[in-house]
């Protein structure tokens, strides 16, 4: 069995949720000991308006 990194697992879960249209967009921040270790903004904040999700 090949192990996958936390980043790969998070990316896969986010990508699958977007593909399944369970979510339209997301911003995810994971921190360890107060320091960000994963940050991602994906897809749309406003799909109809064409606004992409931002990391802020």
C-alpha atoms as a PDB file:
ATOM      1  CA  UNK A   1       0.000   0.000   0.000  1.00  0.00           C
ATOM      2  CA  UNK A   2       1.376   3.359  -0.998  1.00  0.00           C
ATOM      3  CA  UNK A   3       0.975   6.135   1.540  1.00  0.00           C
ATOM      4  CA  UNK A   4      -0.251   9.534   0.418  1.00  0.00           C
ATOM      5  CA  UNK A   5       0.584  12.854   1.949  1.00  0.00           C
ATOM      6  CA  UNK A   6      -1.940  14.999   3.759  1.00  0.00           C
ATOM      7  CA  UNK A   7      -1.721  17.504   0.891  1.00  0.00           C
ATOM      8  CA  UNK A   8      -2.552  14.843  -1.684  1.00  0.00           C
ATOM      9  CA  UNK A   9      -5.494  13.551   0.397  1.00  0.00           C
ATOM     10  CA  UNK A  10      -6.890  17.052   0.905  1.00  0.00           C
ATOM     11  CA  UNK A  11      -6.493  17.930  -2.774  1.00  0.00           C
ATOM     12  CA  UNK A  12      -8.237  14.684  -3.765  1.00  0.00           C
ATOM     13  CA  UNK A  13     -11.148  15.290  -1.363  1.00  0.00           C
ATOM     14  CA  UNK A  14     -11.585  18.891  -2.546  1.00  0.00           C
ATOM     15  CA  UNK A  15     -11.309  17.953  -6.230  1.00  0.00           C
ATOM     16  CA  UNK A  16     -13.851  15.133  -5.804  1.00  0.00           C
ATOM     17  CA  UNK A  17     -16.339  17.366  -3.948  1.00  0.00           C
ATOM     18  CA  UNK A  18     -16.062  19.942  -6.733  1.00  0.00           C
ATOM     19  CA  UNK A  19     -16.430  17.298  -9.464  1.00  0.00           C
ATOM     20  CA  UNK A  20     -19.495  15.832  -7.700  1.00  0.00           C
ATOM     21  CA  UNK A  21     -20.922  19.377  -7.401  1.00  0.00           C
ATOM     22  CA  UNK A  22     -21.301  18.917  -3.638  1.00  0.00           C
ATOM     23  CA  UNK A  23     -19.598  22.295  -3.255  1.00  0.00           C
ATOM     24  CA  UNK A  24     -19.163  25.239  -5.637  1.00  0.00           C
ATOM     25  CA  UNK A  25     -15.945  26.452  -4.089  1.00  0.00           C
ATOM     26  CA  UNK A  26     -13.923  26.368  -0.914  1.00  0.00           C
ATOM     27  CA  UNK A  27     -11.094  27.943   1.002  1.00  0.00           C
ATOM     28  CA  UNK A  28      -9.126  25.567   3.233  1.00  0.00           C
ATOM     29  CA  UNK A  29      -6.403  26.444   5.720  1.00  0.00           C
ATOM     30  CA  UNK A  30      -4.710  23.820   7.885  1.00  0.00           C
ATOM     31  CA  UNK A  31      -2.248  24.873  10.537  1.00  0.00           C
ATOM     32  CA  UNK A  32       0.073  23.010  12.861  1.00  0.00           C
ATOM     33  CA  UNK A  33       1.488  24.680  15.952  1.00  0.00           C
ATOM     34  CA  UNK A  34       0.030  27.968  14.730  1.00  0.00           C
ATOM     35  CA  UNK A  35       1.779  27.828  11.354  1.00  0.00           C
ATOM     36  CA  UNK A  36      -0.057  27.276   8.046  1.00  0.00           C
ATOM     37  CA  UNK A  37       0.933  23.966   6.466  1.00  0.00           C
ATOM     38  CA  UNK A  38      -1.755  23.782   3.761  1.00  0.00           C
ATOM     39  CA  UNK A  39      -3.646  26.552   2.019  1.00  0.00           C
ATOM     40  CA  UNK A  40      -5.941  26.282  -0.972  1.00  0.00           C
ATOM     41  CA  UNK A  41      -8.688  28.303  -2.618  1.00  0.00           C
ATOM     42  CA  UNK A  42     -10.616  26.381  -5.265  1.00  0.00           C
ATOM     43  CA  UNK A  43     -13.287  27.155  -7.836  1.00  0.00           C
ATOM     44  CA  UNK A  44     -16.003  29.800  -7.418  1.00  0.00           C
ATOM     45  CA  UNK A  45     -17.056  32.289  -4.762  1.00  0.00           C
ATOM     46  CA  UNK A  46     -19.827  33.383  -7.146  1.00  0.00           C
ATOM     47  CA  UNK A  47     -20.274  31.087 -10.130  1.00  0.00           C
ATOM     48  CA  UNK A  48     -22.964  33.177 -11.821  1.00  0.00           C
ATOM     49  CA  UNK A  49     -20.969  36.381 -11.374  1.00  0.00           C
ATOM     50  CA  UNK A  50     -17.729  34.717 -12.436  1.00  0.00           C
ATOM     51  CA  UNK A  51     -15.857  35.499  -9.208  1.00  0.00           C
ATOM     52  CA  UNK A  52     -13.127  33.032  -8.360  1.00  0.00           C
ATOM     53  CA  UNK A  53     -12.479  31.954  -4.786  1.00  0.00           C
ATOM     54  CA  UNK A  54      -9.637  33.873  -3.123  1.00  0.00           C
ATOM     55  CA  UNK A  55      -7.301  32.891  -0.307  1.00  0.00           C
ATOM     56  CA  UNK A  56      -8.277  35.820   1.887  1.00  0.00           C
END
